PDB file of N, CA and C in Angstrom:
ATOM      1  N   UNK A   1      28.173 -11.515 -11.094  1.00  0.00           N
ATOM      2  CA  UNK A   1      27.771  -9.941 -10.971  1.00  0.00           C
ATOM      3  C   UNK A   1      26.756  -9.870  -9.963  1.00  0.00           C
ATOM      4  N   UNK A   2      25.769 -10.743  -9.879  1.00  0.00           N
ATOM      5  CA  UNK A   2      24.740 -10.621  -9.085  1.00  0.00           C
ATOM      6  C   UNK A   2      25.087 -10.372  -7.512  1.00  0.00           C
ATOM      7  N   UNK A   3      26.213 -10.902  -7.114  1.00  0.00           N
ATOM      8  CA  UNK A   3      26.668 -10.962  -5.958  1.00  0.00           C
ATOM      9  C   UNK A   3      27.298  -9.457  -5.571  1.00  0.00           C
ATOM     10  N   UNK A   4      27.650  -8.859  -6.505  1.00  0.00           N
ATOM     11  CA  UNK A   4      28.423  -7.622  -6.527  1.00  0.00           C
ATOM     12  C   UNK A   4      27.434  -6.419  -5.830  1.00  0.00           C
ATOM     13  N   UNK A   5      27.858  -5.963  -4.851  1.00  0.00           N
ATOM     14  CA  UNK A   5      27.225  -4.761  -4.175  1.00  0.00           C
ATOM     15  C   UNK A   5      27.334  -3.300  -4.850  1.00  0.00           C
ATOM     16  N   UNK A   6      28.669  -3.059  -4.979  1.00  0.00           N
ATOM     17  CA  UNK A   6      28.827  -1.609  -5.377  1.00  0.00           C
ATOM     18  C   UNK A   6      29.106  -1.749  -6.907  1.00  0.00           C
ATOM     19  N   UNK A   7      29.080  -0.455  -7.624  1.00  0.00           N
ATOM     20  CA  UNK A   7      29.474  -0.505  -8.927  1.00  0.00           C
ATOM     21  C   UNK A   7      30.776  -0.877  -9.470  1.00  0.00           C
ATOM     22  N   UNK A   8      31.746  -0.568  -8.295  1.00  0.00           N
ATOM     23  CA  UNK A   8      32.931  -0.870  -8.474  1.00  0.00           C
ATOM     24  C   UNK A   8      33.087  -2.362  -8.491  1.00  0.00           C
ATOM     25  N   UNK A   9      32.513  -3.150  -7.591  1.00  0.00           N
ATOM     26  CA  UNK A   9      32.543  -4.413  -7.458  1.00  0.00           C
ATOM     27  C   UNK A   9      31.887  -5.096  -8.552  1.00  0.00           C
ATOM     28  N   UNK A  10      30.927  -4.562  -9.152  1.00  0.00           N
ATOM     29  CA  UNK A  10      30.196  -5.186 -10.464  1.00  0.00           C
ATOM     30  C   UNK A  10      31.284  -4.936 -11.797  1.00  0.00           C
ATOM     31  N   UNK A  11      31.808  -3.774 -11.916  1.00  0.00           N
ATOM     32  CA  UNK A  11      32.763  -3.604 -12.969  1.00  0.00           C
ATOM     33  C   UNK A  11      34.041  -4.680 -12.779  1.00  0.00           C
ATOM     34  N   UNK A  12      34.341  -4.555 -11.705  1.00  0.00           N
ATOM     35  CA  UNK A  12      35.699  -5.704 -11.351  1.00  0.00           C
ATOM     36  C   UNK A  12      35.123  -7.013 -11.721  1.00  0.00           C
ATOM     37  N   UNK A  13      34.028  -7.607 -11.307  1.00  0.00           N
ATOM     38  CA  UNK A  13      33.347  -8.829 -11.606  1.00  0.00           C
ATOM     39  C   UNK A  13      33.463  -9.170 -13.058  1.00  0.00           C
ATOM     40  N   UNK A  14      32.598  -8.274 -13.733  1.00  0.00           N
ATOM     41  CA  UNK A  14      32.590  -8.488 -15.083  1.00  0.00           C
ATOM     42  C   UNK A  14      33.840  -8.511 -15.909  1.00  0.00           C
ATOM     43  N   UNK A  15      34.924  -7.416 -15.520  1.00  0.00           N
ATOM     44  CA  UNK A  15      35.879  -7.525 -16.179  1.00  0.00           C
ATOM     45  C   UNK A  15      36.891  -8.678 -16.075  1.00  0.00           C
ATOM     46  N   UNK A  16      36.826  -9.169 -14.676  1.00  0.00           N
ATOM     47  CA  UNK A  16      37.520 -10.242 -14.544  1.00  0.00           C
ATOM     48  C   UNK A  16      37.108 -11.616 -15.059  1.00  0.00           C
ATOM     49  N   UNK A  17      35.760 -11.754 -15.050  1.00  0.00           N
ATOM     50  CA  UNK A  17      35.192 -12.967 -15.961  1.00  0.00           C
ATOM     51  C   UNK A  17      35.337 -12.844 -17.205  1.00  0.00           C
ATOM     52  N   UNK A  18      35.572 -11.757 -18.107  1.00  0.00           N
ATOM     53  CA  UNK A  18      35.935 -11.467 -19.414  1.00  0.00           C
ATOM     54  C   UNK A  18      37.345 -11.747 -19.774  1.00  0.00           C
ATOM     55  N   UNK A  19      38.378 -11.152 -18.960  1.00  0.00           N
ATOM     56  CA  UNK A  19      39.635 -10.955 -19.156  1.00  0.00           C
ATOM     57  C   UNK A  19      40.657 -11.646 -18.255  1.00  0.00           C
ATOM     58  N   UNK A  20      39.950 -12.269 -17.300  1.00  0.00           N
ATOM     59  CA  UNK A  20      40.788 -13.174 -16.259  1.00  0.00           C
ATOM     60  C   UNK A  20      41.924 -12.465 -15.687  1.00  0.00           C
ATOM     61  N   UNK A  21      41.647 -11.052 -15.502  1.00  0.00           N
ATOM     62  CA  UNK A  21      42.510 -10.171 -14.592  1.00  0.00           C
ATOM     63  C   UNK A  21      41.599  -9.078 -14.068  1.00  0.00           C
ATOM     64  N   UNK A  22      42.230  -8.598 -13.164  1.00  0.00           N
ATOM     65  CA  UNK A  22      41.466  -7.235 -12.689  1.00  0.00           C
ATOM     66  C   UNK A  22      41.813  -6.191 -13.480  1.00  0.00           C
ATOM     67  N   UNK A  23      40.776  -5.082 -13.454  1.00  0.00           N
ATOM     68  CA  UNK A  23      41.006  -3.922 -14.334  1.00  0.00           C
ATOM     69  C   UNK A  23      42.158  -3.146 -13.743  1.00  0.00           C
ATOM     70  N   UNK A  24      42.927  -2.395 -14.554  1.00  0.00           N
ATOM     71  CA  UNK A  24      43.891  -1.489 -13.910  1.00  0.00           C
ATOM     72  C   UNK A  24      43.160  -0.202 -13.399  1.00  0.00           C
ATOM     73  N   UNK A  25      43.589   0.738 -12.514  1.00  0.00           N
ATOM     74  CA  UNK A  25      43.035   1.664 -11.973  1.00  0.00           C
ATOM     75  C   UNK A  25      42.500   2.751 -13.116  1.00  0.00           C
ATOM     76  N   UNK A  26      43.156   2.760 -14.149  1.00  0.00           N
ATOM     77  CA  UNK A  26      42.631   3.730 -15.268  1.00  0.00           C
ATOM     78  C   UNK A  26      41.563   3.058 -15.858  1.00  0.00           C
ATOM     79  N   UNK A  27      41.438   1.923 -16.172  1.00  0.00           N
ATOM     80  CA  UNK A  27      40.326   1.084 -16.825  1.00  0.00           C
ATOM     81  C   UNK A  27      39.198   1.163 -15.748  1.00  0.00           C
ATOM     82  N   UNK A  28      39.497   0.923 -14.511  1.00  0.00           N
ATOM     83  CA  UNK A  28      38.392   1.010 -13.605  1.00  0.00           C
ATOM     84  C   UNK A  28      37.365   2.345 -13.728  1.00  0.00           C
ATOM     85  N   UNK A  29      38.328   3.185 -13.595  1.00  0.00           N
ATOM     86  CA  UNK A  29      37.881   4.782 -13.487  1.00  0.00           C
ATOM     87  C   UNK A  29      37.191   4.791 -14.728  1.00  0.00           C
ATOM     88  N   UNK A  30      37.663   4.647 -15.950  1.00  0.00           N
ATOM     89  CA  UNK A  30      36.861   4.943 -17.218  1.00  0.00           C
ATOM     90  C   UNK A  30      35.613   4.237 -17.306  1.00  0.00           C
ATOM     91  N   UNK A  31      35.488   2.899 -16.803  1.00  0.00           N
ATOM     92  CA  UNK A  31      34.245   2.068 -17.003  1.00  0.00           C
ATOM     93  C   UNK A  31      33.473   2.711 -15.997  1.00  0.00           C
ATOM     94  N   UNK A  32      33.765   3.007 -14.733  1.00  0.00           N
ATOM     95  CA  UNK A  32      32.694   3.479 -13.841  1.00  0.00           C
ATOM     96  C   UNK A  32      32.144   4.826 -14.319  1.00  0.00           C
ATOM     97  N   UNK A  33      32.959   5.665 -14.757  1.00  0.00           N
ATOM     98  CA  UNK A  33      32.581   6.843 -15.197  1.00  0.00           C
ATOM     99  C   UNK A  33      31.634   6.875 -16.593  1.00  0.00           C
ATOM    100  N   UNK A  34      31.869   5.657 -17.420  1.00  0.00           N
ATOM    101  CA  UNK A  34      31.082   5.347 -18.509  1.00  0.00           C
ATOM    102  C   UNK A  34      29.826   4.828 -18.070  1.00  0.00           C
ATOM    103  N   UNK A  35      29.790   3.975 -17.176  1.00  0.00           N
ATOM    104  CA  UNK A  35      28.448   3.619 -16.538  1.00  0.00           C
ATOM    105  C   UNK A  35      27.615   4.445 -15.908  1.00  0.00           C
ATOM    106  N   UNK A  36      28.235   5.354 -15.246  1.00  0.00           N
ATOM    107  CA  UNK A  36      27.429   6.475 -14.561  1.00  0.00           C
ATOM    108  C   UNK A  36      26.703   7.283 -15.494  1.00  0.00           C
ATOM    109  N   UNK A  37      27.536   7.745 -16.570  1.00  0.00           N
ATOM    110  CA  UNK A  37      27.096   8.687 -17.647  1.00  0.00           C
ATOM    111  C   UNK A  37      25.936   7.999 -18.606  1.00  0.00           C
ATOM    112  N   UNK A  38      26.138   6.595 -18.817  1.00  0.00           N
ATOM    113  CA  UNK A  38      25.075   5.994 -19.446  1.00  0.00           C
ATOM    114  C   UNK A  38      23.826   5.820 -18.660  1.00  0.00           C
ATOM    115  N   UNK A  39      23.964   5.520 -17.300  1.00  0.00           N
ATOM    116  CA  UNK A  39      22.776   5.461 -16.547  1.00  0.00           C
ATOM    117  C   UNK A  39      21.938   6.739 -16.342  1.00  0.00           C
ATOM    118  N   UNK A  40      22.813   7.941 -16.471  1.00  0.00           N
ATOM    119  CA  UNK A  40      22.312   9.222 -16.302  1.00  0.00           C
ATOM    120  C   UNK A  40      21.535   9.606 -17.645  1.00  0.00           C
ATOM    121  N   UNK A  41      22.278   9.369 -18.759  1.00  0.00           N
ATOM    122  CA  UNK A  41      21.619   9.540 -20.154  1.00  0.00           C
ATOM    123  C   UNK A  41      20.545   8.602 -20.477  1.00  0.00           C
ATOM    124  N   UNK A  42      20.552   7.478 -20.025  1.00  0.00           N
ATOM    125  CA  UNK A  42      19.383   6.630 -20.522  1.00  0.00           C
ATOM    126  C   UNK A  42      18.431   6.621 -19.532  1.00  0.00           C
ATOM    127  N   UNK A  43      18.540   7.049 -18.215  1.00  0.00           N
ATOM    128  CA  UNK A  43      17.499   6.857 -17.125  1.00  0.00           C
ATOM    129  C   UNK A  43      17.189   5.380 -17.014  1.00  0.00           C
ATOM    130  N   UNK A  44      18.264   4.521 -17.262  1.00  0.00           N
ATOM    131  CA  UNK A  44      17.846   3.009 -17.105  1.00  0.00           C
ATOM    132  C   UNK A  44      19.077   2.204 -16.671  1.00  0.00           C
ATOM    133  N   UNK A  45      19.383   2.195 -15.405  1.00  0.00           N
ATOM    134  CA  UNK A  45      20.436   1.389 -14.929  1.00  0.00           C
ATOM    135  C   UNK A  45      20.784  -0.031 -15.567  1.00  0.00           C
ATOM    136  N   UNK A  46      19.720  -0.818 -15.666  1.00  0.00           N
ATOM    137  CA  UNK A  46      20.221  -2.082 -16.339  1.00  0.00           C
ATOM    138  C   UNK A  46      20.518  -1.897 -17.909  1.00  0.00           C
ATOM    139  N   UNK A  47      20.132  -1.174 -18.589  1.00  0.00           N
ATOM    140  CA  UNK A  47      20.664  -1.010 -19.828  1.00  0.00           C
ATOM    141  C   UNK A  47      21.992  -0.234 -19.958  1.00  0.00           C
ATOM    142  N   UNK A  48      22.341   0.542 -18.936  1.00  0.00           N
ATOM    143  CA  UNK A  48      23.794   1.127 -18.534  1.00  0.00           C
ATOM    144  C   UNK A  48      24.687   0.068 -18.307  1.00  0.00           C
ATOM    145  N   UNK A  49      24.313  -0.860 -17.365  1.00  0.00           N
ATOM    146  CA  UNK A  49      25.084  -2.087 -17.159  1.00  0.00           C
ATOM    147  C   UNK A  49      25.236  -2.958 -18.338  1.00  0.00           C
ATOM    148  N   UNK A  50      24.359  -3.169 -19.201  1.00  0.00           N
ATOM    149  CA  UNK A  50      24.418  -3.821 -20.507  1.00  0.00           C
ATOM    150  C   UNK A  50      25.452  -3.030 -21.458  1.00  0.00           C
ATOM    151  N   UNK A  51      25.508  -1.832 -21.652  1.00  0.00           N
ATOM    152  CA  UNK A  51      26.655  -1.165 -22.579  1.00  0.00           C
ATOM    153  C   UNK A  51      27.817  -1.196 -21.810  1.00  0.00           C
ATOM    154  N   UNK A  52      27.887  -1.196 -20.521  1.00  0.00           N
ATOM    155  CA  UNK A  52      29.240  -1.160 -19.897  1.00  0.00           C
ATOM    156  C   UNK A  52      29.888  -2.475 -20.105  1.00  0.00           C
ATOM    157  N   UNK A  53      29.013  -3.701 -20.044  1.00  0.00           N
ATOM    158  CA  UNK A  53      29.688  -5.134 -20.224  1.00  0.00           C
ATOM    159  C   UNK A  53      29.833  -5.178 -21.659  1.00  0.00           C
ATOM    160  N   UNK A  54      29.003  -4.609 -22.560  1.00  0.00           N
ATOM    161  CA  UNK A  54      29.513  -4.759 -24.095  1.00  0.00           C
ATOM    162  C   UNK A  54      30.776  -3.852 -24.375  1.00  0.00           C
ATOM    163  N   UNK A  55      30.978  -2.831 -23.522  1.00  0.00           N
ATOM    164  CA  UNK A  55      32.390  -2.042 -23.846  1.00  0.00           C
ATOM    165  C   UNK A  55      33.397  -3.066 -23.322  1.00  0.00           C
ATOM    166  N   UNK A  56      33.392  -3.751 -22.220  1.00  0.00           N
ATOM    167  CA  UNK A  56      34.473  -4.534 -21.903  1.00  0.00           C
ATOM    168  C   UNK A  56      34.352  -5.721 -22.840  1.00  0.00           C
ATOM    169  N   UNK A  57      33.467  -6.369 -23.711  1.00  0.00           N
ATOM    170  CA  UNK A  57      33.549  -7.232 -24.460  1.00  0.00           C
ATOM    171  C   UNK A  57      34.155  -6.780 -25.767  1.00  0.00           C
ATOM    172  N   UNK A  58      34.033  -5.633 -26.080  1.00  0.00           N
ATOM    173  CA  UNK A  58      34.801  -4.975 -27.246  1.00  0.00           C
ATOM    174  C   UNK A  58      35.978  -4.560 -27.165  1.00  0.00           C
ATOM    175  N   UNK A  59      36.646  -4.701 -26.057  1.00  0.00           N
ATOM    176  CA  UNK A  59      38.247  -4.328 -25.778  1.00  0.00           C
ATOM    177  C   UNK A  59      39.097  -5.314 -26.615  1.00  0.00           C
ATOM    178  N   UNK A  60      40.019  -4.648 -27.375  1.00  0.00           N
ATOM    179  CA  UNK A  60      40.889  -5.355 -28.268  1.00  0.00           C
ATOM    180  C   UNK A  60      41.594  -6.609 -27.632  1.00  0.00           C
ATOM    181  N   UNK A  61      41.874  -6.638 -26.445  1.00  0.00           N
ATOM    182  CA  UNK A  61      42.394  -7.597 -25.647  1.00  0.00           C
ATOM    183  C   UNK A  61      41.544  -8.758 -25.575  1.00  0.00           C
ATOM    184  N   UNK A  62      40.269  -8.538 -25.743  1.00  0.00           N
ATOM    185  CA  UNK A  62      39.442  -9.701 -25.466  1.00  0.00           C
ATOM    186  C   UNK A  62      38.999 -10.345 -27.002  1.00  0.00           C
ATOM    187  N   UNK A  63      38.890  -9.426 -27.964  1.00  0.00           N
ATOM    188  CA  UNK A  63      38.625  -9.764 -29.293  1.00  0.00           C
ATOM    189  C   UNK A  63      39.683 -10.616 -29.804  1.00  0.00           C
ATOM    190  N   UNK A  64      39.405 -11.775 -30.245  1.00  0.00           N
ATOM    191  CA  UNK A  64      40.286 -12.873 -31.032  1.00  0.00           C
ATOM    192  C   UNK A  64      40.095 -12.567 -32.647  1.00  0.00           C
ATOM    193  N   UNK A  65      41.092 -12.016 -33.274  1.00  0.00           N
ATOM    194  CA  UNK A  65      41.055 -11.680 -34.541  1.00  0.00           C
ATOM    195  C   UNK A  65      41.821 -13.037 -35.377  1.00  0.00           C
ATOM    196  N   UNK A  66      41.160 -13.416 -36.269  1.00  0.00           N
ATOM    197  CA  UNK A  66      41.581 -14.631 -36.882  1.00  0.00           C
ATOM    198  C   UNK A  66      41.766 -14.605 -38.329  1.00  0.00           C
TER     199      UNK A  66
END
């Protein structure tokens, strides 16, 4: 993620690292909107990125239910 320059590249990098596939256009748009809204709300870009990564980690596709 550190190499990613734009928010789009960061989301794609996190998503691909977690799910081993690129996000769909809909997923990418939703995550970018979420990150921007959280960054504005919290006035803290790092925390907004943490919450964005957490949202990806909480996707049903990633969670293994046993």
